[in-house]
């Protein structure tokens, strides 16, 4: 079955911005709210010492409109991790991103910039980080939205955080918290335990 036009638009935008992916991990389940989700993997290069992950599939459907800011809309997730990862680590990160992508469709809760979500275990390859902060652009080079044939698709940057960082984030406006994180920690790796 052909991909919906919105997903083709996102894929083409990723290609234009990030180049060809180095790998992709496919999650398919006809019983799932997202029947197909791809997690594209971009490995470090001589110019960029990051492994990057980008989802394609969430934006096939709009999230449910829920009370509060940012309800509804279409979203895809991005995550960056400093340095190279093994294929097993890449797969573990992709599984966690796939689970996070399902969250709004199973719970009816939104995924939007400024939100935080906790986990029972450390986020894969981010020791000490049992939660994530969902951020908008983290630098002037980051994409905030991809414009598609069905409208704008919000890009949400997934930033693993520690429990202490999560507590601090509850006391600050999201933009101030993101700035604080970037000033005090390397947000692209785990934190010292």
Protein backbone atom coordinates (compact mmCIF):
# COMPACT_ATOMS: atom_id res chain seq x y z
CA UNK A 1 0.00 0.00 0.00
CA UNK A 2 1.32 3.47 -0.90
CA UNK A 3 2.24 5.85 1.87
CA UNK A 4 -0.15 8.75 2.48
CA UNK A 5 0.97 11.96 0.73
CA UNK A 6 1.74 13.65 4.07
CA UNK A 7 4.31 10.94 4.88
CA UNK A 8 5.89 11.25 1.43
CA UNK A 9 6.14 15.01 2.01
CA UNK A 10 7.89 14.41 5.36
CA UNK A 11 10.24 11.82 3.87
CA UNK A 12 11.20 14.23 1.06
CA UNK A 13 11.75 17.04 3.59
CA UNK A 14 14.03 14.77 5.65
CA UNK A 15 15.98 13.83 2.53
CA UNK A 16 16.40 17.47 1.53
CA UNK A 17 17.54 18.47 5.03
CA UNK A 18 19.39 15.41 6.34
CA UNK A 19 20.35 13.49 3.20
CA UNK A 20 19.92 9.75 2.80
CA UNK A 21 19.31 7.82 5.98
CA UNK A 22 21.91 5.21 6.98
CA UNK A 23 19.31 2.76 8.24
CA UNK A 24 15.65 2.49 9.07
CA UNK A 25 13.76 0.43 11.61
CA UNK A 26 10.20 -0.50 10.69
CA UNK A 27 7.40 -1.15 13.17
CA UNK A 28 4.19 -2.59 11.72
CA UNK A 29 1.05 -3.73 13.52
CA UNK A 30 -2.41 -3.75 11.94
CA UNK A 31 -3.96 -3.65 15.44
CA UNK A 32 -1.98 -0.58 16.50
CA UNK A 33 -3.28 3.00 16.28
CA UNK A 34 -0.25 3.63 14.04
CA UNK A 35 -0.18 0.73 11.57
CA UNK A 36 3.30 1.58 10.31
CA UNK A 37 6.03 3.66 11.86
CA UNK A 38 9.51 4.03 10.45
CA UNK A 39 12.39 5.31 12.55
CA UNK A 40 15.13 6.61 10.29
CA UNK A 41 18.71 6.50 11.58
CA UNK A 42 21.38 8.98 10.53
CA UNK A 43 24.83 7.98 11.80
CA UNK A 44 27.66 10.39 12.71
CA UNK A 45 29.79 11.88 9.95
CA UNK A 46 33.09 13.72 9.96
CA UNK A 47 31.08 16.97 10.11
CA UNK A 48 28.41 15.93 12.67
CA UNK A 49 29.21 13.76 15.71
CA UNK A 50 25.58 12.80 16.33
CA UNK A 51 23.42 9.78 15.71
CA UNK A 52 20.02 11.19 14.76
CA UNK A 53 16.63 9.49 14.74
CA UNK A 54 13.50 10.71 12.95
CA UNK A 55 10.07 9.10 12.96
CA UNK A 56 7.76 8.88 9.98
CA UNK A 57 4.24 7.62 10.59
CA UNK A 58 2.73 9.60 13.46
CA UNK A 59 1.61 12.35 11.10
CA UNK A 60 -0.57 9.99 9.05
CA UNK A 61 -3.34 10.94 11.50
CA UNK A 62 -3.98 14.00 13.62
CA UNK A 63 -3.66 13.63 17.36
CA UNK A 64 -6.95 13.92 19.26
CA UNK A 65 -7.81 17.39 20.41
CA UNK A 66 -7.49 17.52 24.17
CA UNK A 67 -8.03 20.38 26.60
CA UNK A 68 -5.09 22.69 26.99
CA UNK A 69 -2.61 24.29 24.63
CA UNK A 70 -1.41 22.59 21.49
CA UNK A 71 -4.26 20.11 21.10
CA UNK A 72 -4.54 18.10 17.92
CA UNK A 73 -2.33 18.51 14.92
CA UNK A 74 0.25 16.25 13.34
CA UNK A 75 3.64 15.52 14.83
CA UNK A 76 6.84 13.59 14.20
CA UNK A 77 9.68 12.95 16.68
CA UNK A 78 13.41 13.64 16.42
CA UNK A 79 16.17 12.60 18.80
CA UNK A 80 19.91 13.16 18.69
CA UNK A 81 22.55 11.20 20.59
CA UNK A 82 26.19 12.22 20.66
CA UNK A 83 28.56 9.70 19.05
CA UNK A 84 28.09 6.39 17.28
CA UNK A 85 25.83 3.64 18.63
CA UNK A 86 25.78 -0.09 18.07
CA UNK A 87 22.91 -1.49 16.01
CA UNK A 88 21.47 -2.98 19.21
CA UNK A 89 21.52 0.48 20.83
CA UNK A 90 20.00 2.08 17.72
CA UNK A 91 17.19 -0.49 17.83
CA UNK A 92 16.57 0.14 21.54
CA UNK A 93 16.28 3.90 20.94
CA UNK A 94 13.96 3.28 17.98
CA UNK A 95 11.71 1.03 20.11
CA UNK A 96 11.43 3.74 22.78
CA UNK A 97 10.61 6.37 20.13
CA UNK A 98 7.97 4.06 18.62
CA UNK A 99 6.41 3.60 22.06
CA UNK A 100 6.46 7.36 22.61
CA UNK A 101 4.86 7.89 19.17
CA UNK A 102 1.95 5.66 20.21
CA UNK A 103 1.39 7.55 23.47
CA UNK A 104 -1.03 10.22 22.19
CA UNK A 105 -3.06 7.72 20.17
CA UNK A 106 -3.48 5.29 23.07
CA UNK A 107 -3.95 7.75 25.93
CA UNK A 108 -5.57 10.71 24.18
CA UNK A 109 -2.90 12.91 25.80
CA UNK A 110 -0.90 15.26 23.61
CA UNK A 111 2.75 15.28 22.69
CA UNK A 112 3.78 18.87 22.32
CA UNK A 113 6.66 21.23 22.95
CA UNK A 114 7.15 21.75 26.66
CA UNK A 115 5.68 18.44 27.81
CA UNK A 116 7.55 15.94 29.99
CA UNK A 117 6.93 12.20 30.15
CA UNK A 118 8.43 9.78 32.66
CA UNK A 119 9.50 6.15 32.20
CA UNK A 120 10.12 3.25 34.56
CA UNK A 121 13.65 2.73 33.21
CA UNK A 122 16.45 4.82 31.74
CA UNK A 123 15.92 5.97 28.17
CA UNK A 124 18.14 3.67 26.05
CA UNK A 125 21.74 4.97 25.76
CA UNK A 126 20.98 7.84 28.17
CA UNK A 127 21.98 6.50 31.60
CA UNK A 128 20.34 8.36 34.46
CA UNK A 129 17.53 9.73 32.26
CA UNK A 130 14.12 8.33 33.19
CA UNK A 131 12.04 11.03 31.55
CA UNK A 132 11.95 13.08 28.38
CA UNK A 133 11.40 16.75 27.74
CA UNK A 134 9.65 17.42 24.44
CA UNK A 135 11.21 20.50 22.91
CA UNK A 136 10.76 22.73 19.95
CA UNK A 137 13.84 23.82 18.00
CA UNK A 138 16.98 23.58 20.10
CA UNK A 139 19.07 25.77 17.80
CA UNK A 140 18.59 28.18 14.95
CA UNK A 141 19.29 25.31 12.54
CA UNK A 142 16.52 23.05 13.87
CA UNK A 143 13.23 22.60 12.05
CA UNK A 144 10.05 23.55 13.90
CA UNK A 145 7.48 22.44 11.31
CA UNK A 146 7.50 20.62 8.00
CA UNK A 147 4.99 22.09 5.58
CA UNK A 148 3.05 19.33 3.81
CA UNK A 149 0.08 18.95 1.50
CA UNK A 150 -2.23 18.58 4.54
CA UNK A 151 -0.72 21.42 6.59
CA UNK A 152 2.12 21.88 9.02
CA UNK A 153 3.60 18.89 10.88
CA UNK A 154 5.22 19.83 14.20
CA UNK A 155 8.71 18.44 14.84
CA UNK A 156 9.15 17.49 18.49
CA UNK A 157 12.71 17.05 19.76
CA UNK A 158 12.91 14.30 22.36
CA UNK A 159 15.42 15.23 25.08
CA UNK A 160 16.05 12.57 27.75
CA UNK A 161 16.31 14.13 31.22
CA UNK A 162 17.04 13.03 34.77
CA UNK A 163 14.46 13.05 37.55
CA UNK A 164 16.18 16.10 39.11
CA UNK A 165 16.04 17.92 35.76
CA UNK A 166 12.37 16.98 35.45
CA UNK A 167 11.64 18.49 38.87
CA UNK A 168 13.45 21.70 37.88
CA UNK A 169 11.51 21.73 34.60
CA UNK A 170 8.22 21.76 36.49
CA UNK A 171 9.18 25.13 37.99
CA UNK A 172 10.30 26.89 34.80
CA UNK A 173 8.60 27.95 31.59
CA UNK A 174 9.53 25.44 28.82
CA UNK A 175 11.77 27.86 26.90
CA UNK A 176 13.69 28.76 30.07
CA UNK A 177 13.98 25.08 31.00
CA UNK A 178 15.36 24.17 27.55
CA UNK A 179 17.90 26.99 27.78
CA UNK A 180 18.86 25.91 31.31
CA UNK A 181 19.35 22.30 30.20
CA UNK A 182 21.60 23.28 27.34
CA UNK A 183 23.68 25.56 29.58
CA UNK A 184 24.23 22.97 32.33
CA UNK A 185 24.41 19.58 30.61
CA UNK A 186 25.24 17.85 27.37
CA UNK A 187 21.64 17.01 26.48
CA UNK A 188 22.81 14.65 23.76
CA UNK A 189 24.21 12.04 26.13
CA UNK A 190 23.47 10.42 29.50
CA UNK A 191 24.20 12.23 32.75
CA UNK A 192 26.75 11.16 35.37
CA UNK A 193 25.16 8.77 37.85
